């Protein structure tokens, strides 16, 4: 188990990310709603961008409401996000 360190909001977001099954995605808006902050999609995106635990805390599984990938601040950037999602979808 990872000991999450961050703001209360970041930790709430990161814990919710841990609930997303491999090969699945959720939107920033869905994560915001799940943590009880339905108008905080941008803040969720910022918490994902600040995630020091990627990919173990899978912020790569969070996408925009229109289905586009959004961003990925961890090593490898967007190319790595695509690789992780593709790899996980093949494992299903």
Protein backbone atom coordinates (compact mmCIF):
# COMPACT_ATOMS: atom_id res chain seq x y z
CA UNK A 1 0.00 0.00 0.00
CA UNK A 2 1.25 3.44 -0.93
CA UNK A 3 1.29 6.09 1.80
CA UNK A 4 -0.27 9.03 0.00
CA UNK A 5 1.01 12.46 0.96
CA UNK A 6 -0.60 15.64 -0.34
CA UNK A 7 -3.49 17.96 0.41
CA UNK A 8 -6.74 16.45 1.63
CA UNK A 9 -8.24 17.14 -1.82
CA UNK A 10 -5.34 15.51 -3.67
CA UNK A 11 -5.48 12.45 -1.45
CA UNK A 12 -9.23 12.13 -2.01
CA UNK A 13 -8.67 12.29 -5.78
CA UNK A 14 -5.78 9.81 -5.71
CA UNK A 15 -7.76 7.35 -3.59
CA UNK A 16 -10.59 7.54 -6.10
CA UNK A 17 -8.15 6.89 -8.95
CA UNK A 18 -7.12 3.67 -7.23
CA UNK A 19 -10.71 2.44 -7.67
CA UNK A 20 -10.60 2.65 -11.49
CA UNK A 21 -10.03 -0.87 -12.84
CA UNK A 22 -7.21 -1.51 -15.28
CA UNK A 23 -8.42 -1.08 -18.83
CA UNK A 24 -11.15 1.35 -17.77
CA UNK A 25 -11.33 5.12 -17.75
CA UNK A 26 -13.30 7.77 -15.89
CA UNK A 27 -13.65 11.45 -16.65
CA UNK A 28 -12.35 14.27 -14.50
CA UNK A 29 -16.00 15.18 -13.94
CA UNK A 30 -16.85 11.64 -12.76
CA UNK A 31 -13.96 11.72 -10.30
CA UNK A 32 -15.07 15.13 -9.04
CA UNK A 33 -18.60 13.81 -8.45
CA UNK A 34 -17.33 10.65 -6.77
CA UNK A 35 -15.41 12.65 -4.17
CA UNK A 36 -18.39 14.92 -3.50
CA UNK A 37 -17.03 17.95 -5.36
CA UNK A 38 -19.07 17.90 -8.60
CA UNK A 39 -17.90 21.34 -9.76
CA UNK A 40 -14.21 20.59 -9.31
CA UNK A 41 -13.24 18.94 -12.59
CA UNK A 42 -10.34 21.34 -13.15
CA UNK A 43 -9.07 20.83 -9.62
CA UNK A 44 -9.21 17.07 -10.20
CA UNK A 45 -7.13 17.56 -13.35
CA UNK A 46 -4.63 19.58 -11.32
CA UNK A 47 -4.48 16.87 -8.64
CA UNK A 48 -3.80 14.32 -11.38
CA UNK A 49 -1.04 16.54 -12.76
CA UNK A 50 0.54 16.72 -9.29
CA UNK A 51 0.36 12.94 -8.75
CA UNK A 52 3.87 11.81 -7.73
CA UNK A 53 2.78 8.16 -7.61
CA UNK A 54 2.03 7.56 -11.30
CA UNK A 55 1.46 5.02 -12.69
CA UNK A 56 0.81 3.14 -9.42
CA UNK A 57 -1.92 5.70 -8.69
CA UNK A 58 -3.42 5.54 -12.17
CA UNK A 59 -4.07 9.11 -13.27
CA UNK A 60 -3.54 7.82 -16.83
CA UNK A 61 -7.04 6.30 -16.54
CA UNK A 62 -8.68 9.74 -16.32
CA UNK A 63 -9.85 11.39 -19.54
CA UNK A 64 -11.79 14.45 -20.62
CA UNK A 65 -15.58 14.41 -20.86
CA UNK A 66 -15.36 14.40 -24.66
CA UNK A 67 -13.34 11.18 -24.51
CA UNK A 68 -10.02 12.75 -25.47
CA UNK A 69 -7.06 11.82 -23.34
CA UNK A 70 -6.43 15.14 -21.64
CA UNK A 71 -2.94 15.57 -20.22
CA UNK A 72 -0.32 13.40 -18.57
CA UNK A 73 2.42 15.00 -16.50
CA UNK A 74 4.30 11.84 -15.55
CA UNK A 75 7.42 10.67 -17.37
CA UNK A 76 6.75 10.00 -21.02
CA UNK A 77 3.87 12.46 -21.31
CA UNK A 78 0.94 11.75 -23.59
CA UNK A 79 2.76 9.00 -25.46
CA UNK A 80 3.21 7.11 -22.20
CA UNK A 81 -0.47 7.65 -21.26
CA UNK A 82 -1.53 6.10 -24.58
CA UNK A 83 0.90 3.19 -24.06
CA UNK A 84 -0.41 2.47 -20.56
CA UNK A 85 -4.05 2.54 -21.66
CA UNK A 86 -3.31 0.39 -24.72
CA UNK A 87 -1.35 -2.12 -22.62
CA UNK A 88 -4.11 -2.36 -20.02
CA UNK A 89 -6.84 -2.82 -22.64
CA UNK A 90 -4.92 -5.76 -24.13
CA UNK A 91 -4.72 -7.46 -20.74
CA UNK A 92 -8.51 -7.71 -20.46
